[in-house]
Amino acid sequence: MTIDDPLLVVVAGPTAVGKTALGIALAKHFNSEIISADSRQFYREMTIGTAAPSDHELLQVKHHFVYHLSVGDSYNVSRFESDALALLDGLFRRNTVVFMVGGSGLYLNAVCHGIDSLPDPDPEIRRALKETLASDGIHALQDELNLLDPVYASQVDMFNPARLMRAIEICRATGVPYSDLRTNKSRQRPFRVLKVGIELPREILYERINRRVDMMMQSGLFEEALALYPLRHLNALNTVGYRELFDHFEGLTTLEFAVEKIKIHSRRYAKRQLTWFKKDPGYTWFRPDEIDDIIKYLFCGSQPALQ
């Protein structure tokens, strides 16, 4: 790897911190394009609840991997890694720098460093786990993962059934804790990576999250979730902003309670995101309004690619 190789700039941070606006400003400054690494924004039916870029924002800079799937499509981080690398091969033919913006740490890492080679899904184990989820709820999966692999249980989003089932599936199939198989060995890429982390003081971030949820409700999140309610069993819809409203539609909570839960769960999600990114010493951290400092950092840290 040399300083003449093309450069991938990662712009990462928690939900509602301002990544979308910053990514667009940076991409416009360098006349480049954006790869979205927010796995919630892949799905075209989930525009409001995922705070996906608006039509106006999408017109300002070319975005990739936004609205490219339907909620019923099968997709995973391994496919994203392959698709993104293939796309980058073409993008770097016309750009010396490309931006990858998002808050899904696993997806960002897959492109930058690769993902571990793990056993293929076992249909029988997966079917049994889905039955357990349907009959006993997510707490049964949480309990089993805590028993089989407490190390991974302390790291994973314990309210994401897809992640829980995959980890348990590997533990059952191999007899080895999932965490032992995650080697995290970085793969060589034909491009350099520079990581920019975006953060705000906690009280400011949490207030932004609360305001965003209120704005989502005003913009039609209730109606969007109601239209998706018949598809609530799909993995793509098991995410903050939708599952809380689904509980309301089922008569389990009031609307006011559901909205408050969206705010609480969004704040917890932001905290987990920050914890993930802060473990990576490769990030240099800025506030979202420090765009001039970020641009200077990109020039200083990546010469001569940005000359």
C-alpha atoms as a PDB file:
ATOM      1  CA  MET A   1       0.000   0.000   0.000  1.00  0.00           C
ATOM      2  CA  THR A   2       1.392   3.396  -1.018  1.00  0.00           C
ATOM      3  CA  ILE A   3       0.276   6.999  -0.739  1.00  0.00           C
ATOM      4  CA  ASP A   4      -0.483   6.891  -4.471  1.00  0.00           C
ATOM      5  CA  ASP A   5      -3.263   4.341  -3.988  1.00  0.00           C
ATOM      6  CA  PRO A   6      -6.893   5.581  -4.095  1.00  0.00           C
ATOM      7  CA  LEU A   7      -8.476   6.591  -0.818  1.00  0.00           C
ATOM      8  CA  LEU A   8     -11.696   5.472   0.875  1.00  0.00           C
ATOM      9  CA  VAL A   9     -12.799   7.962   3.534  1.00  0.00           C
ATOM     10  CA  VAL A  10     -15.118   6.495   6.154  1.00  0.00           C
ATOM     11  CA  VAL A  11     -17.507   8.920   7.864  1.00  0.00           C
ATOM     12  CA  ALA A  12     -19.052   7.129  10.828  1.00  0.00           C
ATOM     13  CA  GLY A  13     -20.900   7.925  14.018  1.00  0.00           C
ATOM     14  CA  PRO A  14     -24.122   7.410  15.949  1.00  0.00           C
ATOM     15  CA  THR A  15     -27.624   7.947  14.674  1.00  0.00           C
ATOM     16  CA  ALA A  16     -28.787  11.579  14.347  1.00  0.00           C
ATOM     17  CA  VAL A  17     -25.272  13.012  14.723  1.00  0.00           C
ATOM     18  CA  GLY A  18     -25.314  14.577  11.234  1.00  0.00           C
ATOM     19  CA  LYS A  19     -23.433  12.076   9.052  1.00  0.00           C
ATOM     20  CA  THR A  20     -25.641  12.498   5.983  1.00  0.00           C
ATOM     21  CA  ALA A  21     -25.228  16.274   5.698  1.00  0.00           C
ATOM     22  CA  LEU A  22     -21.508  16.097   6.428  1.00  0.00           C
ATOM     23  CA  GLY A  23     -20.939  13.291   3.941  1.00  0.00           C
ATOM     24  CA  ILE A  24     -22.697  15.268   1.221  1.00  0.00           C
ATOM     25  CA  ALA A  25     -20.672  18.395   1.990  1.00  0.00           C
ATOM     26  CA  LEU A  26     -17.403  16.456   1.823  1.00  0.00           C
ATOM     27  CA  ALA A  27     -18.325  14.565  -1.333  1.00  0.00           C
ATOM     28  CA  LYS A  28     -19.330  17.817  -3.048  1.00  0.00           C
ATOM     29  CA  HIS A  29     -16.079  19.471  -1.994  1.00  0.00           C
ATOM     30  CA  PHE A  30     -14.028  16.661  -3.532  1.00  0.00           C
ATOM     31  CA  ASN A  31     -16.423  16.101  -6.458  1.00  0.00           C
ATOM     32  CA  SER A  32     -16.900  12.493  -5.386  1.00  0.00           C
ATOM     33  CA  GLU A  33     -19.621   9.954  -4.589  1.00  0.00           C
ATOM     34  CA  ILE A  34     -21.010   8.255  -1.473  1.00  0.00           C
ATOM     35  CA  ILE A  35     -21.410   4.612  -0.533  1.00  0.00           C
ATOM     36  CA  SER A  36     -24.047   4.261   2.162  1.00  0.00           C
ATOM     37  CA  ALA A  37     -23.133   1.837   4.934  1.00  0.00           C
ATOM     38  CA  ASP A  38     -26.335   2.195   6.900  1.00  0.00           C
ATOM     39  CA  SER A  39     -27.988  -1.206   6.591  1.00  0.00           C
ATOM     40  CA  ARG A  40     -31.371   0.240   7.616  1.00  0.00           C
ATOM     41  CA  GLN A  41     -31.375   2.596   4.628  1.00  0.00           C
ATOM     42  CA  PHE A  42     -30.988  -0.168   2.045  1.00  0.00           C
ATOM     43  CA  TYR A  43     -34.756  -0.735   1.913  1.00  0.00           C
ATOM     44  CA  ARG A  44     -36.920   1.463  -0.272  1.00  0.00           C
ATOM     45  CA  GLU A  45     -40.064   1.003   1.833  1.00  0.00           C
ATOM     46  CA  MET A  46     -38.366   2.320   5.010  1.00  0.00           C
ATOM     47  CA  THR A  47     -37.644   5.938   4.159  1.00  0.00           C
ATOM     48  CA  ILE A  48     -38.976   7.836   7.178  1.00  0.00           C
ATOM     49  CA  GLY A  49     -38.095   5.499  10.023  1.00  0.00           C
ATOM     50  CA  THR A  50     -34.484   5.133   8.884  1.00  0.00           C
ATOM     51  CA  ALA A  51     -33.895   8.858   8.256  1.00  0.00           C
ATOM     52  CA  ALA A  52     -32.654   7.989   4.779  1.00  0.00           C
ATOM     53  CA  PRO A  53     -31.322  10.824   2.590  1.00  0.00           C
ATOM     54  CA  SER A  54     -34.116  12.918   1.107  1.00  0.00           C
ATOM     55  CA  ASP A  55     -34.725  13.176  -2.632  1.00  0.00           C
ATOM     56  CA  HIS A  56     -33.097  16.611  -2.521  1.00  0.00           C
ATOM     57  CA  GLU A  57     -30.007  15.209  -0.803  1.00  0.00           C
ATOM     58  CA  LEU A  58     -29.782  12.327  -3.249  1.00  0.00           C
ATOM     59  CA  LEU A  59     -29.759  14.817  -6.124  1.00  0.00           C
ATOM     60  CA  GLN A  60     -26.811  16.724  -4.657  1.00  0.00           C
ATOM     61  CA  VAL A  61     -24.390  13.788  -4.615  1.00  0.00           C
ATOM     62  CA  LYS A  62     -24.555  10.345  -6.175  1.00  0.00           C
ATOM     63  CA  HIS A  63     -25.378   7.784  -3.440  1.00  0.00           C
ATOM     64  CA  HIS A  64     -24.976   4.025  -3.727  1.00  0.00           C
ATOM     65  CA  PHE A  65     -26.789   1.371  -1.635  1.00  0.00           C
ATOM     66  CA  VAL A  66     -29.717   3.601  -0.711  1.00  0.00           C
ATOM     67  CA  TYR A  67     -33.164   2.158  -1.544  1.00  0.00           C
ATOM     68  CA  HIS A  68     -31.568  -0.615  -3.598  1.00  0.00           C
ATOM     69  CA  LEU A  69     -33.510  -3.406  -1.840  1.00  0.00           C
ATOM     70  CA  SER A  70     -37.052  -4.298  -0.891  1.00  0.00           C
ATOM     71  CA  VAL A  71     -37.793  -5.412   2.671  1.00  0.00           C
ATOM     72  CA  GLY A  72     -38.427  -8.952   1.450  1.00  0.00           C
ATOM     73  CA  ASP A  73     -35.051  -9.276  -0.249  1.00  0.00           C
ATOM     74  CA  SER A  74     -32.384 -11.509   1.259  1.00  0.00           C
ATOM     75  CA  TYR A  75     -29.187  -9.572   1.938  1.00  0.00           C
ATOM     76  CA  ASN A  76     -26.318  -9.739   4.406  1.00  0.00           C
ATOM     77  CA  VAL A  77     -22.986  -8.190   5.267  1.00  0.00           C
ATOM     78  CA  SER A  78     -21.055 -10.692   3.146  1.00  0.00           C
ATOM     79  CA  ARG A  79     -22.973  -9.694   0.017  1.00  0.00           C
ATOM     80  CA  PHE A  80     -22.537  -6.030   0.898  1.00  0.00           C
ATOM     81  CA  GLU A  81     -18.792  -6.533   1.158  1.00  0.00           C
ATOM     82  CA  SER A  82     -18.665  -8.137  -2.300  1.00  0.00           C
ATOM     83  CA  ASP A  83     -20.994  -5.574  -3.876  1.00  0.00           C
ATOM     84  CA  ALA A  84     -19.204  -2.594  -2.349  1.00  0.00           C
ATOM     85  CA  LEU A  85     -15.751  -3.812  -3.369  1.00  0.00           C
ATOM     86  CA  ALA A  86     -16.932  -4.379  -6.935  1.00  0.00           C
ATOM     87  CA  LEU A  87     -18.452  -0.905  -6.986  1.00  0.00           C
ATOM     88  CA  LEU A  88     -15.300   0.693  -5.571  1.00  0.00           C
ATOM     89  CA  ASP A  89     -13.247  -0.884  -8.327  1.00  0.00           C
ATOM     90  CA  GLY A  90     -15.259   1.175 -10.805  1.00  0.00           C
ATOM     91  CA  LEU A  91     -15.540   4.324  -8.702  1.00  0.00           C
ATOM     92  CA  PHE A  92     -11.781   4.552  -8.212  1.00  0.00           C
ATOM     93  CA  ARG A  93     -11.324   4.599 -11.987  1.00  0.00           C
ATOM     94  CA  ARG A  94     -12.816   8.102 -11.992  1.00  0.00           C
ATOM     95  CA  ASN A  95     -12.253   9.290  -8.399  1.00  0.00           C
ATOM     96  CA  THR A  96      -9.078   9.412  -6.304  1.00  0.00           C
ATOM     97  CA  VAL A  97     -11.235   9.556  -3.168  1.00  0.00           C
ATOM     98  CA  VAL A  98     -14.616   7.988  -2.361  1.00  0.00           C
ATOM     99  CA  PHE A  99     -16.679   8.445   0.794  1.00  0.00           C
ATOM    100  CA  MET A 100     -18.418   5.685   2.731  1.00  0.00           C
ATOM    101  CA  VAL A 101     -20.949   7.074   5.199  1.00  0.00           C
ATOM    102  CA  GLY A 102     -22.967   5.221   7.809  1.00  0.00           C
ATOM    103  CA  GLY A 103     -23.495   3.919  11.285  1.00  0.00           C
ATOM    104  CA  SER A 104     -23.500   0.148  10.712  1.00  0.00           C
ATOM    105  CA  GLY A 105     -20.103  -0.775  12.102  1.00  0.00           C
ATOM    106  CA  LEU A 106     -20.140  -4.352  10.862  1.00  0.00           C
ATOM    107  CA  TYR A 107     -20.790  -3.219   7.289  1.00  0.00           C
ATOM    108  CA  LEU A 108     -18.107  -0.532   7.435  1.00  0.00           C
ATOM    109  CA  ASN A 109     -15.554  -3.014   8.763  1.00  0.00           C
ATOM    110  CA  ALA A 110     -16.451  -5.577   6.112  1.00  0.00           C
ATOM    111  CA  VAL A 111     -15.461  -3.196   3.328  1.00  0.00           C
ATOM    112  CA  CYS A 112     -12.375  -1.819   5.079  1.00  0.00           C
ATOM    113  CA  HIS A 113     -10.970  -5.029   6.527  1.00  0.00           C
ATOM    114  CA  GLY A 114     -13.066  -8.007   5.404  1.00  0.00           C
ATOM    115  CA  ILE A 115     -15.264 -10.367   7.396  1.00  0.00           C
ATOM    116  CA  ASP A 116     -14.449 -13.711   8.881  1.00  0.00           C
ATOM    117  CA  SER A 117     -15.048 -16.923   6.959  1.00  0.00           C
ATOM    118  CA  LEU A 118     -17.779 -18.744   8.861  1.00  0.00           C
ATOM    119  CA  PRO A 119     -19.889 -21.866   8.240  1.00  0.00           C
ATOM    120  CA  ASP A 120     -22.827 -21.579   5.855  1.00  0.00           C
ATOM    121  CA  PRO A 121     -26.259 -21.330   7.509  1.00  0.00           C
ATOM    122  CA  ASP A 122     -27.742 -24.651   8.614  1.00  0.00           C
ATOM    123  CA  PRO A 123     -31.389 -24.732   7.448  1.00  0.00           C
ATOM    124  CA  GLU A 124     -32.508 -27.149  10.173  1.00  0.00           C
ATOM    125  CA  ILE A 125     -30.909 -25.199  13.018  1.00  0.00           C
ATOM    126  CA  ARG A 126     -32.229 -21.936  11.600  1.00  0.00           C
ATOM    127  CA  ARG A 127     -35.756 -23.355  11.340  1.00  0.00           C
ATOM    128  CA  ALA A 128     -35.624 -24.538  14.956  1.00  0.00           C
ATOM    129  CA  LEU A 129     -34.392 -21.144  16.133  1.00  0.00           C
ATOM    130  CA  LYS A 130     -37.159 -19.354  14.261  1.00  0.00           C
ATOM    131  CA  GLU A 131     -39.678 -21.626  15.962  1.00  0.00           C
ATOM    132  CA  THR A 132     -38.113 -20.793  19.323  1.00  0.00           C
ATOM    133  CA  LEU A 133     -38.338 -17.094  18.557  1.00  0.00           C
ATOM    134  CA  ALA A 134     -41.978 -17.406  17.538  1.00  0.00           C
ATOM    135  CA  SER A 135     -43.028 -19.501  20.532  1.00  0.00           C
ATOM    136  CA  ASP A 136     -40.806 -18.220  23.353  1.00  0.00           C
ATOM    137  CA  GLY A 137     -39.730 -14.769  22.204  1.00  0.00           C
ATOM    138  CA  ILE A 138     -36.380 -13.098  21.856  1.00  0.00           C
ATOM    139  CA  HIS A 139     -35.514 -13.638  25.526  1.00  0.00           C
ATOM    140  CA  ALA A 140     -35.109 -17.367  24.848  1.00  0.00           C
ATOM    141  CA  LEU A 141     -32.481 -16.586  22.205  1.00  0.00           C
ATOM    142  CA  GLN A 142     -30.763 -14.141  24.541  1.00  0.00           C
ATOM    143  CA  ASP A 143     -30.586 -16.764  27.284  1.00  0.00           C
ATOM    144  CA  GLU A 144     -29.115 -19.397  24.967  1.00  0.00           C
ATOM    145  CA  LEU A 145     -26.483 -17.051  23.552  1.00  0.00           C
ATOM    146  CA  ASN A 146     -25.500 -15.969  27.058  1.00  0.00           C
ATOM    147  CA  LEU A 147     -24.978 -19.645  27.870  1.00  0.00           C
ATOM    148  CA  LEU A 148     -23.145 -20.633  24.672  1.00  0.00           C
ATOM    149  CA  ASP A 149     -21.053 -17.517  24.120  1.00  0.00           C
ATOM    150  CA  PRO A 150     -21.139 -14.897  26.881  1.00  0.00           C
ATOM    151  CA  VAL A 151     -18.294 -12.979  25.209  1.00  0.00           C
ATOM    152  CA  TYR A 152     -20.250 -12.333  22.015  1.00  0.00           C
ATOM    153  CA  ALA A 153     -23.429 -11.775  24.023  1.00  0.00           C
ATOM    154  CA  SER A 154     -21.716  -8.832  25.696  1.00  0.00           C
ATOM    155  CA  GLN A 155     -20.931  -7.264  22.296  1.00  0.00           C
ATOM    156  CA  VAL A 156     -23.933  -7.938  20.063  1.00  0.00           C
ATOM    157  CA  ASP A 157     -27.225  -6.048  19.836  1.00  0.00           C
ATOM    158  CA  MET A 158     -29.264  -8.406  22.007  1.00  0.00           C
ATOM    159  CA  PHE A 159     -32.505  -7.199  20.454  1.00  0.00           C
ATOM    160  CA  ASN A 160     -31.515  -8.168  16.931  1.00  0.00           C
ATOM    161  CA  PRO A 161     -32.882 -11.716  16.433  1.00  0.00           C
ATOM    162  CA  ALA A 162     -31.018 -12.235  13.155  1.00  0.00           C
ATOM    163  CA  ARG A 163     -27.673 -11.654  14.857  1.00  0.00           C
ATOM    164  CA  LEU A 164     -28.649 -13.838  17.821  1.00  0.00           C
ATOM    165  CA  MET A 165     -29.815 -16.715  15.626  1.00  0.00           C
ATOM    166  CA  ARG A 166     -26.704 -16.604  13.456  1.00  0.00           C
ATOM    167  CA  ALA A 167     -24.391 -16.726  16.488  1.00  0.00           C
ATOM    168  CA  ILE A 168     -26.340 -19.545  18.142  1.00  0.00           C
ATOM    169  CA  GLU A 169     -26.464 -21.407  14.845  1.00  0.00           C
ATOM    170  CA  ILE A 170     -22.659 -21.324  14.568  1.00  0.00           C
ATOM    171  CA  CYS A 171     -22.224 -22.340  18.203  1.00  0.00           C
ATOM    172  CA  ARG A 172     -24.541 -25.321  17.747  1.00  0.00           C
ATOM    173  CA  ALA A 173     -23.086 -26.383  14.411  1.00  0.00           C
ATOM    174  CA  THR A 174     -19.417 -26.194  15.419  1.00  0.00           C
ATOM    175  CA  GLY A 175     -19.514 -26.714  19.176  1.00  0.00           C
ATOM    176  CA  VAL A 176     -17.265 -23.656  19.466  1.00  0.00           C
ATOM    177  CA  PRO A 177     -18.222 -20.182  20.718  1.00  0.00           C
ATOM    178  CA  TYR A 178     -18.905 -17.792  17.860  1.00  0.00           C
ATOM    179  CA  SER A 179     -16.476 -15.292  19.391  1.00  0.00           C
ATOM    180  CA  ASP A 180     -13.625 -17.824  19.065  1.00  0.00           C
ATOM    181  CA  LEU A 181     -14.219 -18.070  15.319  1.00  0.00           C
ATOM    182  CA  ARG A 182     -14.202 -14.324  14.725  1.00  0.00           C
ATOM    183  CA  THR A 183     -10.530 -13.937  13.937  1.00  0.00           C
ATOM    184  CA  ASN A 184     -10.811 -10.298  12.836  1.00  0.00           C
ATOM    185  CA  LYS A 185      -7.819 -10.748  10.549  1.00  0.00           C
ATOM    186  CA  SER A 186      -7.653  -7.762   8.252  1.00  0.00           C
ATOM    187  CA  ARG A 187      -7.546  -8.428   4.510  1.00  0.00           C
ATOM    188  CA  GLN A 188      -5.379  -6.352   2.220  1.00  0.00           C
ATOM    189  CA  ARG A 189      -7.352  -3.889   0.082  1.00  0.00           C
ATOM    190  CA  PRO A 190      -6.180  -2.163  -3.115  1.00  0.00           C
ATOM    191  CA  PHE A 191      -7.006   1.215  -1.575  1.00  0.00           C
ATOM    192  CA  ARG A 192      -6.161   3.186   1.541  1.00  0.00           C
ATOM    193  CA  VAL A 193      -8.681   3.885   4.302  1.00  0.00           C
ATOM    194  CA  LEU A 194      -8.987   7.027   6.392  1.00  0.00           C
ATOM    195  CA  LYS A 195     -11.592   6.984   9.174  1.00  0.00           C
ATOM    196  CA  VAL A 196     -13.436  10.063  10.402  1.00  0.00           C
ATOM    197  CA  GLY A 197     -15.619   9.694  13.479  1.00  0.00           C
ATOM    198  CA  ILE A 198     -18.417  12.173  14.183  1.00  0.00           C
ATOM    199  CA  GLU A 199     -19.642  12.827  17.702  1.00  0.00           C
ATOM    200  CA  LEU A 200     -21.485  15.346  19.865  1.00  0.00           C
ATOM    201  CA  PRO A 201     -21.820  15.807  23.626  1.00  0.00           C
ATOM    202  CA  ARG A 202     -24.268  13.196  24.894  1.00  0.00           C
ATOM    203  CA  GLU A 203     -26.943  15.663  26.001  1.00  0.00           C
ATOM    204  CA  ILE A 204     -26.925  17.378  22.607  1.00  0.00           C
ATOM    205  CA  LEU A 205     -27.016  14.080  20.715  1.00  0.00           C
ATOM    206  CA  TYR A 206     -29.886  12.742  22.805  1.00  0.00           C
ATOM    207  CA  GLU A 207     -31.866  15.928  22.271  1.00  0.00           C
ATOM    208  CA  ARG A 208     -31.306  15.623  18.521  1.00  0.00           C
ATOM    209  CA  ILE A 209     -32.527  12.025  18.656  1.00  0.00           C
ATOM    210  CA  ASN A 210     -35.682  13.047  20.517  1.00  0.00           C
ATOM    211  CA  ARG A 211     -36.403  15.848  18.042  1.00  0.00           C
ATOM    212  CA  ARG A 212     -35.780  13.545  15.097  1.00  0.00           C
ATOM    213  CA  VAL A 213     -38.308  11.007  16.374  1.00  0.00           C
ATOM    214  CA  ASP A 214     -40.898  13.778  16.779  1.00  0.00           C
ATOM    215  CA  MET A 215     -40.176  14.950  13.233  1.00  0.00           C
ATOM    216  CA  MET A 216     -40.471  11.395  11.926  1.00  0.00           C
ATOM    217  CA  MET A 217     -43.912  11.079  13.469  1.00  0.00           C
ATOM    218  CA  GLN A 218     -44.947  14.404  11.948  1.00  0.00           C
ATOM    219  CA  SER A 219     -43.605  13.272   8.559  1.00  0.00           C
ATOM    220  CA  GLY A 220     -45.663  10.069   8.483  1.00  0.00           C
ATOM    221  CA  LEU A 221     -43.767   7.357  10.362  1.00  0.00           C
ATOM    222  CA  PHE A 222     -47.051   6.081  11.818  1.00  0.00           C
ATOM    223  CA  GLU A 223     -48.522   5.597   8.342  1.00  0.00           C
ATOM    224  CA  GLU A 224     -45.297   4.095   6.967  1.00  0.00           C
ATOM    225  CA  ALA A 225     -45.163   1.545   9.796  1.00  0.00           C
ATOM    226  CA  LEU A 226     -48.865   0.749   9.439  1.00  0.00           C
ATOM    227  CA  ALA A 227     -48.383  -0.039   5.743  1.00  0.00           C
ATOM    228  CA  LEU A 228     -45.505  -2.367   6.647  1.00  0.00           C
ATOM    229  CA  TYR A 229     -47.295  -4.014   9.573  1.00  0.00           C
ATOM    230  CA  PRO A 230     -48.435  -7.063   7.526  1.00  0.00           C
ATOM    231  CA  LEU A 231     -44.731  -7.741   6.794  1.00  0.00           C
ATOM    232  CA  ARG A 232     -43.598  -7.327  10.406  1.00  0.00           C
ATOM    233  CA  HIS A 233     -42.106 -10.843  10.497  1.00  0.00           C
ATOM    234  CA  LEU A 234     -39.341  -9.834   8.059  1.00  0.00           C
ATOM    235  CA  ASN A 235     -35.874  -9.300   9.524  1.00  0.00           C
ATOM    236  CA  ALA A 236     -35.531  -5.914   7.842  1.00  0.00           C
ATOM    237  CA  LEU A 237     -38.433  -4.584   9.903  1.00  0.00           C
ATOM    238  CA  ASN A 238     -37.150  -5.749  13.245  1.00  0.00           C
ATOM    239  CA  THR A 239     -35.587  -2.397  13.927  1.00  0.00           C
ATOM    240  CA  VAL A 240     -36.058   0.675  16.087  1.00  0.00           C
ATOM    241  CA  GLY A 241     -38.932   2.855  14.987  1.00  0.00           C
ATOM    242  CA  TYR A 242     -40.993   0.025  13.560  1.00  0.00           C
ATOM    243  CA  ARG A 243     -41.154  -2.693  16.188  1.00  0.00           C
ATOM    244  CA  GLU A 244     -42.374  -0.191  18.802  1.00  0.00           C
ATOM    245  CA  LEU A 245     -45.219   0.928  16.536  1.00  0.00           C
ATOM    246  CA  PHE A 246     -46.014  -2.685  15.659  1.00  0.00           C
ATOM    247  CA  ASP A 247     -46.553  -3.288  19.396  1.00  0.00           C
ATOM    248  CA  HIS A 248     -48.977  -0.368  19.387  1.00  0.00           C
ATOM    249  CA  PHE A 249     -50.849  -1.754  16.386  1.00  0.00           C
ATOM    250  CA  GLU A 250     -51.207  -5.056  18.249  1.00  0.00           C
ATOM    251  CA  GLY A 251     -52.778  -3.236  21.175  1.00  0.00           C
ATOM    252  CA  LEU A 252     -49.853  -3.829  23.527  1.00  0.00           C
ATOM    253  CA  THR A 253     -49.014  -0.155  24.114  1.00  0.00           C
ATOM    254  CA  THR A 254     -50.448   3.307  23.705  1.00  0.00           C
ATOM    255  CA  LEU A 255     -49.135   5.467  20.872  1.00  0.00           C
ATOM    256  CA  GLU A 256     -47.555   7.868  23.362  1.00  0.00           C
ATOM    257  CA  PHE A 257     -45.723   4.990  25.036  1.00  0.00           C
ATOM    258  CA  ALA A 258     -44.566   3.620  21.668  1.00  0.00           C
ATOM    259  CA  VAL A 259     -43.098   6.977  20.644  1.00  0.00           C
ATOM    260  CA  GLU A 260     -41.289   7.306  23.959  1.00  0.00           C
ATOM    261  CA  LYS A 261     -39.895   3.793  23.495  1.00  0.00           C
ATOM    262  CA  ILE A 262     -38.600   4.740  20.043  1.00  0.00           C
ATOM    263  CA  LYS A 263     -36.693   7.617  21.636  1.00  0.00           C
ATOM    264  CA  ILE A 264     -35.303   5.426  24.417  1.00  0.00           C
ATOM    265  CA  HIS A 265     -34.264   2.631  22.069  1.00  0.00           C
ATOM    266  CA  SER A 266     -32.736   5.119  19.604  1.00  0.00           C
ATOM    267  CA  ARG A 267     -30.630   6.631  22.373  1.00  0.00           C
ATOM    268  CA  ARG A 268     -29.473   3.176  23.440  1.00  0.00           C
ATOM    269  CA  TYR A 269     -28.662   2.325  19.836  1.00  0.00           C
ATOM    270  CA  ALA A 270     -26.561   5.489  19.544  1.00  0.00           C
ATOM    271  CA  LYS A 271     -24.682   4.538  22.697  1.00  0.00           C
ATOM    272  CA  ARG A 272     -23.911   1.071  21.293  1.00  0.00           C
ATOM    273  CA  GLN A 273     -22.731   2.591  18.027  1.00  0.00           C
ATOM    274  CA  LEU A 274     -20.328   4.909  19.816  1.00  0.00           C
ATOM    275  CA  THR A 275     -19.017   2.048  21.914  1.00  0.00           C
ATOM    276  CA  TRP A 276     -18.320   0.060  18.737  1.00  0.00           C
ATOM    277  CA  PHE A 277     -16.525   2.892  16.938  1.00  0.00           C
ATOM    278  CA  LYS A 278     -14.539   4.044  19.974  1.00  0.00           C
ATOM    279  CA  LYS A 279     -12.932   0.596  20.185  1.00  0.00           C
ATOM    280  CA  ASP A 280     -11.269   1.272  16.816  1.00  0.00           C
ATOM    281  CA  PRO A 281      -8.157   3.448  17.287  1.00  0.00           C
ATOM    282  CA  GLY A 282      -8.159   4.188  13.568  1.00  0.00           C
ATOM    283  CA  TYR A 283     -10.835   6.869  13.924  1.00  0.00           C
ATOM    284  CA  THR A 284     -10.032  10.552  14.286  1.00  0.00           C
ATOM    285  CA  TRP A 285     -12.944  12.352  15.926  1.00  0.00           C
ATOM    286  CA  PHE A 286     -14.652  15.623  15.033  1.00  0.00           C
ATOM    287  CA  ARG A 287     -17.921  17.438  15.612  1.00  0.00           C
ATOM    288  CA  PRO A 288     -20.229  17.503  12.568  1.00  0.00           C
ATOM    289  CA  ASP A 289     -19.822  21.275  12.164  1.00  0.00           C
ATOM    290  CA  GLU A 290     -16.008  21.095  11.964  1.00  0.00           C
ATOM    291  CA  ILE A 291     -15.997  20.585   8.210  1.00  0.00           C
ATOM    292  CA  ASP A 292     -13.025  22.858   7.549  1.00  0.00           C
ATOM    293  CA  ASP A 293     -10.937  20.929  10.089  1.00  0.00           C
ATOM    294  CA  ILE A 294     -12.038  17.629   8.546  1.00  0.00           C
ATOM    295  CA  ILE A 295     -11.056  18.786   5.068  1.00  0.00           C
ATOM    296  CA  LYS A 296      -7.647  19.881   6.365  1.00  0.00           C
ATOM    297  CA  TYR A 297      -7.249  16.509   8.057  1.00  0.00           C
ATOM    298  CA  LEU A 298      -8.082  14.678   4.839  1.00  0.00           C
ATOM    299  CA  PHE A 299      -5.463  16.662   2.938  1.00  0.00           C
ATOM    300  CA  CYS A 300      -2.799  16.217   5.596  1.00  0.00           C
ATOM    301  CA  GLY A 301      -3.541  12.547   6.184  1.00  0.00           C
ATOM    302  CA  SER A 302      -3.834  11.416   2.589  1.00  0.00           C
ATOM    303  CA  GLN A 303      -1.365  13.258   0.380  1.00  0.00           C
ATOM    304  CA  PRO A 304      -0.917  13.077  -2.530  1.00  0.00           C
ATOM    305  CA  ALA A 305      -4.289  11.437  -3.304  1.00  0.00           C
ATOM    306  CA  LEU A 306      -6.233  14.652  -2.656  1.00  0.00           C
ATOM    307  CA  GLN A 307      -3.874  17.034  -4.448  1.00  0.00           C
END
